[in-house]
Amino acid sequence: MNRREFSLGAAAALGFAASARAQQRPPKEGVEYRALDQRQPVEAPAGKVEVVEFFWYSCPHCNAFEPKLVSWIKRQNADVFVRRVPVGFRDSFVPQQRLFYTLEALGKLDELHQKVFDAIHIKNQPTDREAGILDFAEANGLDRAKFRELYNSFTISTKARRASQLQDAYKVDGVPALGIAGRWYTDGEMAGNMDRALQVVDYLVAEARKSK
């Protein structure tokens, strides 16, 4: 979803059907991916290749991409380190950034990450403001007061701010998008669709392994 327009018209560009030709040829730099002007720090342990997914919980394309990403992660070797980064294109995105990092801090992200998507895109439950987020947390067995305290903490605010800084460093234009090894960027618009974007990531992970 484009950060400027946020329209459903981008869906065609983010479709999942890759052509046989695209699957067989190596991706083109400057077309299907780009190298960053400045290499970015990574959180991957030494010897691992970091892949960052930039996403927004309310984005329908991110919701559609999530099962594809989960399947892709399951196929990776142990040296691939994947982390998700919630974008903050606007101030209205910050509550969901805080939601993500609060769940992570509580050790509940693996359990509830998909449930956030389901609450928004299946159940039509509001989770874009603090009140709705606290309702979601409580409905999923979390202590409302404890969640609120952590959600509004300096630690979570700092993580949300750093997420926005990383998105800007990668020049993320829309979501879902993918950053590789602190060096490269691709998304569904560049690659043609998100299936092809994952193939581009496979290629770039292999390139990163060569320079370990």
N, C-alpha and C. Protein backbone atom coordinates (compact mmCIF):
# COMPACT_ATOMS: atom_id res chain seq x y z
N MET A 1 0.84 -1.19 0.00
CA MET A 1 0.00 0.00 0.00
C MET A 1 0.87 1.24 0.00
N ASN A 2 0.66 2.10 -0.96
CA ASN A 2 1.51 3.27 -1.13
C ASN A 2 1.35 4.24 0.02
N ARG A 3 2.48 4.76 0.51
CA ARG A 3 2.44 5.62 1.70
C ARG A 3 1.76 6.95 1.43
N ARG A 4 1.67 7.37 0.19
CA ARG A 4 1.05 8.65 -0.11
C ARG A 4 -0.45 8.49 -0.38
N GLU A 5 -0.83 7.45 -1.08
CA GLU A 5 -2.22 7.33 -1.51
C GLU A 5 -3.04 6.40 -0.64
N PHE A 6 -2.46 5.27 -0.18
CA PHE A 6 -3.17 4.29 0.63
C PHE A 6 -4.47 3.85 -0.03
N SER A 7 -4.39 3.60 -1.31
CA SER A 7 -5.58 3.21 -2.05
C SER A 7 -5.53 1.74 -2.38
N LEU A 8 -6.69 1.14 -2.56
CA LEU A 8 -6.77 -0.27 -2.92
C LEU A 8 -6.37 -0.49 -4.37
N GLY A 9 -6.15 0.58 -5.12
CA GLY A 9 -5.76 0.44 -6.51
C GLY A 9 -4.42 -0.22 -6.68
N ALA A 10 -3.62 -0.26 -5.61
CA ALA A 10 -2.30 -0.89 -5.70
C ALA A 10 -2.37 -2.40 -5.67
N ALA A 11 -3.54 -2.95 -5.45
CA ALA A 11 -3.65 -4.40 -5.28
C ALA A 11 -3.12 -5.16 -6.49
N ALA A 12 -3.39 -4.62 -7.69
CA ALA A 12 -2.94 -5.32 -8.89
C ALA A 12 -1.42 -5.44 -8.91
N ALA A 13 -0.75 -4.39 -8.46
CA ALA A 13 0.71 -4.41 -8.46
C ALA A 13 1.26 -5.35 -7.42
N LEU A 14 0.44 -5.74 -6.47
CA LEU A 14 0.91 -6.60 -5.39
C LEU A 14 0.30 -7.99 -5.50
N GLY A 15 -0.16 -8.38 -6.69
CA GLY A 15 -0.70 -9.71 -6.88
C GLY A 15 0.36 -10.77 -6.69
N PHE A 16 -0.06 -12.01 -6.57
CA PHE A 16 0.88 -13.06 -6.21
C PHE A 16 1.27 -13.99 -7.36
N ALA A 17 0.82 -13.76 -8.60
CA ALA A 17 1.10 -14.68 -9.70
C ALA A 17 2.35 -14.23 -10.45
N ALA A 18 3.46 -14.90 -10.24
CA ALA A 18 4.71 -14.56 -10.94
C ALA A 18 4.80 -15.36 -12.23
N SER A 19 5.34 -14.75 -13.27
CA SER A 19 5.48 -15.44 -14.54
C SER A 19 6.66 -16.41 -14.48
N ALA A 20 6.62 -17.43 -15.35
CA ALA A 20 7.71 -18.40 -15.38
C ALA A 20 9.03 -17.72 -15.73
N ARG A 21 8.97 -16.74 -16.61
CA ARG A 21 10.20 -16.05 -16.99
C ARG A 21 10.81 -15.31 -15.81
N ALA A 22 9.96 -14.64 -15.04
CA ALA A 22 10.44 -13.90 -13.87
C ALA A 22 11.07 -14.84 -12.85
N GLN A 23 10.52 -16.02 -12.72
CA GLN A 23 11.04 -16.99 -11.75
C GLN A 23 12.44 -17.48 -12.16
N GLN A 24 12.72 -17.53 -13.44
CA GLN A 24 13.97 -18.12 -13.91
C GLN A 24 15.11 -17.12 -14.02
N ARG A 25 14.84 -15.87 -14.29
CA ARG A 25 15.92 -14.91 -14.50
C ARG A 25 16.33 -14.24 -13.19
N PRO A 26 17.59 -13.83 -13.08
CA PRO A 26 18.02 -13.09 -11.91
C PRO A 26 17.39 -11.71 -11.90
N PRO A 27 17.08 -11.19 -10.72
CA PRO A 27 16.45 -9.86 -10.66
C PRO A 27 17.41 -8.76 -11.09
N LYS A 28 16.85 -7.67 -11.56
CA LYS A 28 17.65 -6.55 -12.06
C LYS A 28 17.72 -5.44 -11.01
N GLU A 29 18.95 -5.05 -10.66
CA GLU A 29 19.13 -3.94 -9.74
C GLU A 29 18.62 -2.66 -10.40
N GLY A 30 17.95 -1.85 -9.62
CA GLY A 30 17.37 -0.62 -10.14
C GLY A 30 16.01 -0.81 -10.75
N VAL A 31 15.60 -2.06 -10.93
CA VAL A 31 14.29 -2.36 -11.48
C VAL A 31 13.46 -3.13 -10.45
N GLU A 32 13.95 -4.31 -10.08
CA GLU A 32 13.22 -5.15 -9.12
C GLU A 32 13.71 -4.98 -7.68
N TYR A 33 14.84 -4.36 -7.52
CA TYR A 33 15.34 -4.01 -6.19
C TYR A 33 16.32 -2.87 -6.35
N ARG A 34 16.66 -2.25 -5.24
CA ARG A 34 17.68 -1.20 -5.29
C ARG A 34 18.62 -1.34 -4.10
N ALA A 35 19.86 -0.93 -4.33
CA ALA A 35 20.84 -0.88 -3.25
C ALA A 35 20.65 0.42 -2.48
N LEU A 36 20.80 0.36 -1.18
CA LEU A 36 20.67 1.56 -0.36
C LEU A 36 21.88 2.47 -0.58
N ASP A 37 21.65 3.75 -0.48
CA ASP A 37 22.74 4.71 -0.61
C ASP A 37 23.73 4.56 0.54
N GLN A 38 23.20 4.23 1.71
CA GLN A 38 24.04 4.05 2.89
C GLN A 38 23.63 2.77 3.60
N ARG A 39 24.60 1.92 3.88
CA ARG A 39 24.31 0.66 4.55
C ARG A 39 23.73 0.91 5.94
N GLN A 40 22.71 0.14 6.30
CA GLN A 40 22.02 0.33 7.57
C GLN A 40 22.42 -0.74 8.60
N PRO A 41 22.42 -0.37 9.87
CA PRO A 41 22.74 -1.36 10.91
C PRO A 41 21.67 -2.45 10.96
N VAL A 42 22.08 -3.63 11.35
CA VAL A 42 21.16 -4.75 11.45
C VAL A 42 21.14 -5.26 12.88
N GLU A 43 20.10 -6.01 13.21
CA GLU A 43 19.99 -6.63 14.53
C GLU A 43 20.27 -8.12 14.49
N ALA A 44 20.56 -8.65 13.32
CA ALA A 44 20.84 -10.08 13.19
C ALA A 44 22.12 -10.45 13.92
N PRO A 45 22.14 -11.60 14.58
CA PRO A 45 23.37 -12.07 15.20
C PRO A 45 24.47 -12.26 14.16
N ALA A 46 25.70 -12.25 14.60
CA ALA A 46 26.84 -12.43 13.70
C ALA A 46 26.68 -13.72 12.90
N GLY A 47 26.99 -13.63 11.61
CA GLY A 47 26.91 -14.80 10.75
C GLY A 47 25.54 -15.04 10.14
N LYS A 48 24.56 -14.20 10.47
CA LYS A 48 23.21 -14.37 9.92
C LYS A 48 22.88 -13.22 8.98
N VAL A 49 21.99 -13.47 8.06
CA VAL A 49 21.54 -12.46 7.09
C VAL A 49 20.17 -11.96 7.53
N GLU A 50 20.06 -10.66 7.72
CA GLU A 50 18.80 -10.08 8.18
C GLU A 50 17.87 -9.74 7.03
N VAL A 51 16.61 -10.12 7.19
CA VAL A 51 15.54 -9.71 6.29
C VAL A 51 14.49 -9.00 7.11
N VAL A 52 14.17 -7.77 6.73
CA VAL A 52 13.19 -6.95 7.45
C VAL A 52 11.92 -6.87 6.62
N GLU A 53 10.79 -7.18 7.27
CA GLU A 53 9.50 -6.91 6.63
C GLU A 53 8.93 -5.63 7.22
N PHE A 54 8.70 -4.64 6.36
CA PHE A 54 8.01 -3.43 6.76
C PHE A 54 6.52 -3.64 6.50
N PHE A 55 5.69 -3.36 7.50
CA PHE A 55 4.26 -3.65 7.36
C PHE A 55 3.43 -2.66 8.17
N TRP A 56 2.12 -2.73 7.95
CA TRP A 56 1.14 -1.95 8.71
C TRP A 56 -0.05 -2.87 8.95
N TYR A 57 -0.45 -2.99 10.20
CA TYR A 57 -1.53 -3.92 10.53
C TYR A 57 -2.81 -3.65 9.74
N SER A 58 -3.13 -2.39 9.48
CA SER A 58 -4.39 -2.07 8.80
C SER A 58 -4.30 -2.20 7.28
N CYS A 59 -3.13 -2.51 6.75
CA CYS A 59 -2.96 -2.64 5.31
C CYS A 59 -3.50 -3.98 4.83
N PRO A 60 -4.47 -3.99 3.91
CA PRO A 60 -5.01 -5.26 3.41
C PRO A 60 -3.97 -6.10 2.67
N HIS A 61 -3.01 -5.45 2.01
CA HIS A 61 -1.98 -6.18 1.29
C HIS A 61 -1.01 -6.87 2.27
N CYS A 62 -0.73 -6.21 3.39
CA CYS A 62 0.11 -6.84 4.41
C CYS A 62 -0.61 -8.05 5.02
N ASN A 63 -1.90 -7.91 5.21
CA ASN A 63 -2.69 -9.03 5.72
C ASN A 63 -2.66 -10.20 4.75
N ALA A 64 -2.79 -9.91 3.46
CA ALA A 64 -2.75 -10.97 2.45
C ALA A 64 -1.36 -11.59 2.32
N PHE A 65 -0.33 -10.78 2.55
CA PHE A 65 1.04 -11.25 2.41
C PHE A 65 1.51 -12.08 3.60
N GLU A 66 0.92 -11.88 4.76
CA GLU A 66 1.40 -12.53 5.98
C GLU A 66 1.54 -14.05 5.86
N PRO A 67 0.52 -14.79 5.38
CA PRO A 67 0.72 -16.25 5.27
C PRO A 67 1.81 -16.64 4.28
N LYS A 68 1.98 -15.84 3.22
CA LYS A 68 3.08 -16.08 2.27
C LYS A 68 4.42 -15.92 2.97
N LEU A 69 4.54 -14.87 3.76
CA LEU A 69 5.79 -14.62 4.47
C LEU A 69 6.07 -15.72 5.48
N VAL A 70 5.06 -16.14 6.21
CA VAL A 70 5.24 -17.21 7.20
C VAL A 70 5.72 -18.48 6.52
N SER A 71 5.13 -18.83 5.38
CA SER A 71 5.57 -20.03 4.64
C SER A 71 7.00 -19.87 4.17
N TRP A 72 7.35 -18.69 3.69
CA TRP A 72 8.72 -18.44 3.23
C TRP A 72 9.71 -18.58 4.37
N ILE A 73 9.38 -18.03 5.52
CA ILE A 73 10.27 -18.11 6.68
C ILE A 73 10.54 -19.57 7.06
N LYS A 74 9.52 -20.40 7.00
CA LYS A 74 9.67 -21.80 7.37
C LYS A 74 10.62 -22.54 6.45
N ARG A 75 10.81 -22.04 5.23
CA ARG A 75 11.70 -22.71 4.26
C ARG A 75 13.15 -22.24 4.35
N GLN A 76 13.42 -21.25 5.19
CA GLN A 76 14.76 -20.67 5.20
C GLN A 76 15.74 -21.47 6.05
N ASN A 77 17.02 -21.32 5.69
CA ASN A 77 18.08 -21.91 6.50
C ASN A 77 18.22 -21.16 7.81
N ALA A 78 18.94 -21.75 8.73
CA ALA A 78 19.07 -21.17 10.06
C ALA A 78 19.83 -19.84 10.06
N ASP A 79 20.53 -19.54 8.96
CA ASP A 79 21.30 -18.29 8.94
C ASP A 79 20.50 -17.08 8.47
N VAL A 80 19.19 -17.25 8.24
CA VAL A 80 18.33 -16.14 7.85
C VAL A 80 17.57 -15.65 9.07
N PHE A 81 17.74 -14.38 9.38
CA PHE A 81 17.14 -13.76 10.56
C PHE A 81 16.08 -12.77 10.09
N VAL A 82 14.82 -13.04 10.41
CA VAL A 82 13.72 -12.21 9.95
C VAL A 82 13.17 -11.39 11.11
N ARG A 83 12.98 -10.12 10.88
CA ARG A 83 12.28 -9.30 11.87
C ARG A 83 11.28 -8.40 11.16
N ARG A 84 10.21 -8.12 11.86
CA ARG A 84 9.14 -7.27 11.33
C ARG A 84 9.28 -5.87 11.91
N VAL A 85 9.01 -4.88 11.09
CA VAL A 85 9.09 -3.49 11.52
C VAL A 85 7.79 -2.78 11.11
N PRO A 86 6.98 -2.36 12.07
CA PRO A 86 5.74 -1.64 11.74
C PRO A 86 6.05 -0.21 11.32
N VAL A 87 5.51 0.21 10.19
CA VAL A 87 5.82 1.54 9.67
C VAL A 87 5.01 2.61 10.39
N GLY A 88 5.49 3.84 10.28
CA GLY A 88 4.80 4.98 10.86
C GLY A 88 4.74 6.12 9.87
N PHE A 89 4.09 5.92 8.74
CA PHE A 89 4.02 6.94 7.70
C PHE A 89 3.34 8.21 8.20
N ARG A 90 2.39 8.03 9.10
CA ARG A 90 1.65 9.17 9.66
C ARG A 90 1.55 8.99 11.16
N ASP A 91 1.19 10.07 11.87
CA ASP A 91 1.01 9.98 13.31
C ASP A 91 -0.05 8.96 13.69
N SER A 92 -1.04 8.78 12.82
CA SER A 92 -2.13 7.84 13.10
C SER A 92 -1.66 6.38 13.10
N PHE A 93 -0.45 6.14 12.58
CA PHE A 93 0.10 4.78 12.57
C PHE A 93 0.75 4.41 13.90
N VAL A 94 1.10 5.40 14.69
CA VAL A 94 1.89 5.17 15.90
C VAL A 94 1.20 4.22 16.88
N PRO A 95 -0.12 4.31 17.12
CA PRO A 95 -0.74 3.36 18.05
C PRO A 95 -0.48 1.90 17.69
N GLN A 96 -0.52 1.57 16.40
CA GLN A 96 -0.28 0.18 16.01
C GLN A 96 1.21 -0.18 16.09
N GLN A 97 2.09 0.79 15.90
CA GLN A 97 3.50 0.54 16.18
C GLN A 97 3.68 0.17 17.65
N ARG A 98 3.06 0.94 18.51
CA ARG A 98 3.15 0.68 19.95
C ARG A 98 2.54 -0.68 20.30
N LEU A 99 1.43 -1.01 19.65
CA LEU A 99 0.80 -2.32 19.85
C LEU A 99 1.79 -3.44 19.56
N PHE A 100 2.43 -3.36 18.40
CA PHE A 100 3.39 -4.39 18.00
C PHE A 100 4.50 -4.54 19.04
N TYR A 101 5.10 -3.44 19.43
CA TYR A 101 6.25 -3.52 20.33
C TYR A 101 5.85 -3.85 21.76
N THR A 102 4.63 -3.54 22.14
CA THR A 102 4.15 -3.96 23.46
C THR A 102 3.94 -5.47 23.49
N LEU A 103 3.33 -6.02 22.44
CA LEU A 103 3.17 -7.47 22.35
C LEU A 103 4.53 -8.16 22.36
N GLU A 104 5.48 -7.58 21.65
CA GLU A 104 6.83 -8.15 21.61
C GLU A 104 7.46 -8.14 23.00
N ALA A 105 7.34 -7.03 23.71
CA ALA A 105 7.94 -6.90 25.04
C ALA A 105 7.31 -7.87 26.04
N LEU A 106 6.04 -8.18 25.84
CA LEU A 106 5.34 -9.10 26.73
C LEU A 106 5.54 -10.57 26.35
N GLY A 107 6.28 -10.81 25.27
CA GLY A 107 6.47 -12.19 24.81
C GLY A 107 5.23 -12.79 24.19
N LYS A 108 4.32 -11.93 23.68
CA LYS A 108 3.05 -12.40 23.14
C LYS A 108 2.94 -12.20 21.63
N LEU A 109 4.02 -11.77 20.99
CA LEU A 109 3.93 -11.44 19.58
C LEU A 109 3.63 -12.67 18.72
N ASP A 110 4.33 -13.75 18.94
CA ASP A 110 4.09 -14.96 18.14
C ASP A 110 2.65 -15.43 18.28
N GLU A 111 2.10 -15.30 19.46
CA GLU A 111 0.74 -15.78 19.73
C GLU A 111 -0.33 -14.86 19.13
N LEU A 112 -0.08 -13.56 19.16
CA LEU A 112 -1.15 -12.61 18.85
C LEU A 112 -0.96 -11.80 17.57
N HIS A 113 0.19 -11.91 16.93
CA HIS A 113 0.43 -11.13 15.71
C HIS A 113 -0.65 -11.36 14.66
N GLN A 114 -0.93 -12.61 14.34
CA GLN A 114 -1.97 -12.92 13.35
C GLN A 114 -3.34 -12.51 13.85
N LYS A 115 -3.55 -12.60 15.16
CA LYS A 115 -4.85 -12.24 15.71
C LYS A 115 -5.13 -10.74 15.56
N VAL A 116 -4.09 -9.93 15.55
CA VAL A 116 -4.30 -8.50 15.29
C VAL A 116 -4.82 -8.32 13.87
N PHE A 117 -4.17 -8.96 12.91
CA PHE A 117 -4.65 -8.89 11.52
C PHE A 117 -6.11 -9.36 11.43
N ASP A 118 -6.42 -10.48 12.10
CA ASP A 118 -7.78 -11.02 12.04
C ASP A 118 -8.79 -10.06 12.66
N ALA A 119 -8.40 -9.44 13.77
CA ALA A 119 -9.32 -8.50 14.43
C ALA A 119 -9.68 -7.36 13.49
N ILE A 120 -8.71 -6.90 12.72
CA ILE A 120 -8.92 -5.76 11.82
C ILE A 120 -9.64 -6.18 10.55
N HIS A 121 -9.13 -7.22 9.90
CA HIS A 121 -9.57 -7.53 8.53
C HIS A 121 -10.69 -8.55 8.46
N ILE A 122 -10.93 -9.28 9.53
CA ILE A 122 -12.02 -10.26 9.54
C ILE A 122 -13.14 -9.81 10.46
N LYS A 123 -12.78 -9.39 11.67
CA LYS A 123 -13.79 -9.04 12.67
C LYS A 123 -14.16 -7.55 12.67
N ASN A 124 -13.42 -6.75 11.89
CA ASN A 124 -13.69 -5.31 11.80
C ASN A 124 -13.67 -4.62 13.17
N GLN A 125 -12.76 -5.06 14.00
CA GLN A 125 -12.61 -4.46 15.33
C GLN A 125 -11.59 -3.32 15.26
N PRO A 126 -11.90 -2.16 15.80
CA PRO A 126 -10.96 -1.03 15.74
C PRO A 126 -9.74 -1.27 16.62
N THR A 127 -8.56 -1.18 16.01
CA THR A 127 -7.30 -1.30 16.77
C THR A 127 -6.33 -0.21 16.32
N ASP A 128 -6.87 0.94 15.98
CA ASP A 128 -6.02 2.03 15.51
C ASP A 128 -5.87 3.14 16.55
N ARG A 129 -6.52 2.97 17.71
CA ARG A 129 -6.39 3.92 18.80
C ARG A 129 -6.22 3.16 20.11
N GLU A 130 -5.75 3.87 21.12
CA GLU A 130 -5.39 3.20 22.37
C GLU A 130 -6.56 2.43 22.97
N ALA A 131 -7.75 3.02 22.98
CA ALA A 131 -8.89 2.35 23.62
C ALA A 131 -9.18 1.01 22.96
N GLY A 132 -9.22 0.99 21.63
CA GLY A 132 -9.48 -0.27 20.92
C GLY A 132 -8.37 -1.28 21.11
N ILE A 133 -7.15 -0.79 21.18
CA ILE A 133 -6.00 -1.67 21.40
C ILE A 133 -6.06 -2.30 22.78
N LEU A 134 -6.44 -1.51 23.79
CA LEU A 134 -6.57 -2.04 25.14
C LEU A 134 -7.70 -3.06 25.21
N ASP A 135 -8.78 -2.82 24.48
CA ASP A 135 -9.88 -3.80 24.41
C ASP A 135 -9.38 -5.10 23.80
N PHE A 136 -8.58 -4.99 22.73
CA PHE A 136 -8.03 -6.18 22.09
C PHE A 136 -7.14 -6.94 23.06
N ALA A 137 -6.27 -6.24 23.75
CA ALA A 137 -5.35 -6.88 24.69
C ALA A 137 -6.11 -7.62 25.78
N GLU A 138 -7.10 -6.96 26.34
CA GLU A 138 -7.88 -7.57 27.42
C GLU A 138 -8.66 -8.78 26.92
N ALA A 139 -9.23 -8.67 25.73
CA ALA A 139 -9.99 -9.79 25.16
C ALA A 139 -9.12 -11.00 24.89
N ASN A 140 -7.81 -10.77 24.77
CA ASN A 140 -6.88 -11.88 24.50
C ASN A 140 -6.08 -12.26 25.74
N GLY A 141 -6.64 -11.97 26.90
CA GLY A 141 -6.10 -12.48 28.15
C GLY A 141 -4.99 -11.68 28.77
N LEU A 142 -4.72 -10.47 28.28
CA LEU A 142 -3.65 -9.65 28.85
C LEU A 142 -4.22 -8.69 29.89
N ASP A 143 -3.42 -8.40 30.89
CA ASP A 143 -3.83 -7.48 31.94
C ASP A 143 -3.90 -6.05 31.36
N ARG A 144 -5.08 -5.45 31.42
CA ARG A 144 -5.29 -4.16 30.77
C ARG A 144 -4.39 -3.07 31.33
N ALA A 145 -4.29 -3.00 32.65
CA ALA A 145 -3.48 -1.95 33.28
C ALA A 145 -2.00 -2.14 32.98
N LYS A 146 -1.52 -3.36 33.05
CA LYS A 146 -0.12 -3.65 32.76
C LYS A 146 0.20 -3.33 31.31
N PHE A 147 -0.72 -3.71 30.43
CA PHE A 147 -0.52 -3.45 29.00
C PHE A 147 -0.47 -1.94 28.75
N ARG A 148 -1.40 -1.20 29.35
CA ARG A 148 -1.44 0.25 29.15
C ARG A 148 -0.14 0.92 29.62
N GLU A 149 0.34 0.50 30.77
CA GLU A 149 1.58 1.08 31.31
C GLU A 149 2.75 0.87 30.36
N LEU A 150 2.89 -0.35 29.86
CA LEU A 150 3.99 -0.65 28.95
C LEU A 150 3.79 0.04 27.60
N TYR A 151 2.57 0.04 27.12
CA TYR A 151 2.22 0.65 25.84
C TYR A 151 2.61 2.13 25.81
N ASN A 152 2.46 2.81 26.92
CA ASN A 152 2.76 4.24 27.01
C ASN A 152 4.15 4.53 27.58
N SER A 153 4.98 3.52 27.68
CA SER A 153 6.30 3.68 28.29
C SER A 153 7.30 4.33 27.33
N PHE A 154 8.35 4.85 27.89
CA PHE A 154 9.43 5.45 27.10
C PHE A 154 10.09 4.39 26.21
N THR A 155 10.22 3.18 26.73
CA THR A 155 10.84 2.10 25.96
C THR A 155 10.09 1.82 24.66
N ILE A 156 8.78 1.73 24.76
CA ILE A 156 7.97 1.44 23.57
C ILE A 156 7.96 2.64 22.63
N SER A 157 7.91 3.84 23.19
CA SER A 157 7.97 5.05 22.35
C SER A 157 9.27 5.08 21.55
N THR A 158 10.36 4.72 22.20
CA THR A 158 11.67 4.72 21.54
C THR A 158 11.71 3.69 20.40
N LYS A 159 11.15 2.51 20.64
CA LYS A 159 11.13 1.48 19.59
C LYS A 159 10.29 1.92 18.40
N ALA A 160 9.17 2.56 18.66
CA ALA A 160 8.33 3.05 17.57
C ALA A 160 9.06 4.12 16.77
N ARG A 161 9.75 5.01 17.46
CA ARG A 161 10.50 6.06 16.77
C ARG A 161 11.62 5.48 15.92
N ARG A 162 12.31 4.48 16.44
CA ARG A 162 13.39 3.85 15.69
C ARG A 162 12.86 3.10 14.48
N ALA A 163 11.68 2.53 14.61
CA ALA A 163 11.06 1.85 13.46
C ALA A 163 10.82 2.84 12.33
N SER A 164 10.32 4.01 12.67
CA SER A 164 10.06 5.04 11.66
C SER A 164 11.36 5.54 11.04
N GLN A 165 12.41 5.64 11.85
CA GLN A 165 13.71 6.05 11.33
C GLN A 165 14.26 5.01 10.36
N LEU A 166 14.08 3.73 10.67
CA LEU A 166 14.56 2.68 9.77
C LEU A 166 13.78 2.68 8.47
N GLN A 167 12.48 2.86 8.56
CA GLN A 167 11.65 2.92 7.35
C GLN A 167 12.12 4.07 6.46
N ASP A 168 12.46 5.19 7.05
CA ASP A 168 12.93 6.33 6.25
C ASP A 168 14.32 6.05 5.67
N ALA A 169 15.17 5.36 6.42
CA ALA A 169 16.51 5.04 5.94
C ALA A 169 16.43 4.11 4.72
N TYR A 170 15.47 3.20 4.73
CA TYR A 170 15.27 2.29 3.60
C TYR A 170 14.45 2.95 2.48
N LYS A 171 13.92 4.14 2.75
CA LYS A 171 13.06 4.86 1.79
C LYS A 171 11.86 4.03 1.38
N VAL A 172 11.21 3.49 2.40
CA VAL A 172 10.03 2.66 2.16
C VAL A 172 8.91 3.53 1.61
N ASP A 173 8.39 3.15 0.45
CA ASP A 173 7.36 3.92 -0.23
C ASP A 173 5.97 3.34 -0.02
N GLY A 174 5.89 2.07 0.31
CA GLY A 174 4.62 1.41 0.53
C GLY A 174 4.86 0.09 1.22
N VAL A 175 3.80 -0.53 1.68
CA VAL A 175 3.91 -1.81 2.37
C VAL A 175 2.94 -2.81 1.76
N PRO A 176 3.30 -4.12 1.85
CA PRO A 176 4.51 -4.69 2.47
C PRO A 176 5.76 -4.40 1.65
N ALA A 177 6.88 -4.34 2.35
CA ALA A 177 8.17 -4.12 1.71
C ALA A 177 9.22 -4.90 2.47
N LEU A 178 10.37 -5.10 1.82
CA LEU A 178 11.40 -5.98 2.39
C LEU A 178 12.78 -5.35 2.27
N GLY A 179 13.51 -5.39 3.37
CA GLY A 179 14.89 -4.93 3.40
C GLY A 179 15.81 -6.11 3.64
N ILE A 180 16.95 -6.13 2.98
CA ILE A 180 17.84 -7.30 3.04
C ILE A 180 19.25 -6.88 3.44
N ALA A 181 19.72 -7.43 4.55
CA ALA A 181 21.12 -7.31 4.98
C ALA A 181 21.56 -5.87 5.20
N GLY A 182 20.62 -4.97 5.43
CA GLY A 182 20.97 -3.56 5.59
C GLY A 182 21.49 -2.93 4.31
N ARG A 183 21.32 -3.60 3.17
CA ARG A 183 21.95 -3.17 1.93
C ARG A 183 20.98 -2.97 0.77
N TRP A 184 19.88 -3.72 0.75
CA TRP A 184 18.99 -3.70 -0.40
C TRP A 184 17.53 -3.56 0.03
N TYR A 185 16.70 -3.16 -0.93
CA TYR A 185 15.27 -2.95 -0.70
C TYR A 185 14.48 -3.43 -1.91
N THR A 186 13.33 -4.06 -1.63
CA THR A 186 12.40 -4.42 -2.70
C THR A 186 10.99 -4.39 -2.14
N ASP A 187 10.02 -4.30 -3.04
CA ASP A 187 8.62 -4.38 -2.65
C ASP A 187 7.80 -4.89 -3.83
N GLY A 188 6.50 -4.99 -3.64
CA GLY A 188 5.65 -5.55 -4.68
C GLY A 188 5.58 -4.70 -5.93
N GLU A 189 5.69 -3.38 -5.76
CA GLU A 189 5.65 -2.50 -6.93
C GLU A 189 6.91 -2.65 -7.77
N MET A 190 8.07 -2.71 -7.13
CA MET A 190 9.32 -2.86 -7.87
C MET A 190 9.41 -4.23 -8.54
N ALA A 191 9.11 -5.26 -7.76
CA ALA A 191 9.27 -6.64 -8.26
C ALA A 191 8.14 -7.07 -9.17
N GLY A 192 7.00 -6.40 -9.08
CA GLY A 192 5.85 -6.77 -9.89
C GLY A 192 4.76 -7.41 -9.07
N ASN A 193 5.12 -8.14 -8.03
CA ASN A 193 4.18 -8.74 -7.10
C ASN A 193 4.98 -9.29 -5.92
N MET A 194 4.33 -9.68 -4.86
CA MET A 194 5.05 -10.08 -3.66
C MET A 194 5.65 -11.48 -3.75
N ASP A 195 5.11 -12.34 -4.59
CA ASP A 195 5.77 -13.63 -4.84
C ASP A 195 7.15 -13.39 -5.45
N ARG A 196 7.18 -12.54 -6.46
CA ARG A 196 8.45 -12.22 -7.11
C ARG A 196 9.38 -11.49 -6.13
N ALA A 197 8.82 -10.64 -5.28
CA ALA A 197 9.64 -9.94 -4.30
C ALA A 197 10.37 -10.94 -3.39
N LEU A 198 9.71 -12.01 -3.01
CA LEU A 198 10.36 -13.03 -2.18
C LEU A 198 11.46 -13.75 -2.96
N GLN A 199 11.27 -13.93 -4.26
CA GLN A 199 12.33 -14.51 -5.08
C GLN A 199 13.53 -13.55 -5.14
N VAL A 200 13.26 -12.28 -5.22
CA VAL A 200 14.33 -11.28 -5.20
C VAL A 200 15.07 -11.37 -3.87
N VAL A 201 14.34 -11.53 -2.78
CA VAL A 201 14.97 -11.66 -1.46
C VAL A 201 15.85 -12.90 -1.42
N ASP A 202 15.37 -14.01 -1.96
CA ASP A 202 16.19 -15.23 -2.00
C ASP A 202 17.52 -14.95 -2.71
N TYR A 203 17.45 -14.25 -3.82
CA TYR A 203 18.66 -13.92 -4.58
C TYR A 203 19.60 -13.05 -3.76
N LEU A 204 19.06 -12.04 -3.09
CA LEU A 204 19.88 -11.11 -2.33
C LEU A 204 20.44 -11.74 -1.06
N VAL A 205 19.69 -12.64 -0.45
CA VAL A 205 20.23 -13.38 0.70
C VAL A 205 21.44 -14.18 0.28
N ALA A 206 21.34 -14.82 -0.90
CA ALA A 206 22.48 -15.57 -1.42
C ALA A 206 23.67 -14.67 -1.69
N GLU A 207 23.40 -13.46 -2.21
CA GLU A 207 24.48 -12.50 -2.43
C GLU A 207 25.12 -12.07 -1.12
N ALA A 208 24.29 -11.87 -0.11
CA ALA A 208 24.82 -11.46 1.20
C ALA A 208 25.68 -12.56 1.81
N ARG A 209 25.31 -13.81 1.59
CA ARG A 209 26.10 -14.91 2.13
C ARG A 209 27.51 -14.90 1.55
N LYS A 210 27.65 -14.48 0.31
CA LYS A 210 28.95 -14.48 -0.34
C LYS A 210 29.92 -13.49 0.32
N SER A 211 29.36 -12.46 0.95
CA SER A 211 30.21 -11.41 1.51
C SER A 211 30.28 -11.46 3.04
N LYS A 212 29.88 -12.57 3.61
CA LYS A 212 29.93 -12.70 5.08
C LYS A 212 31.37 -12.59 5.55
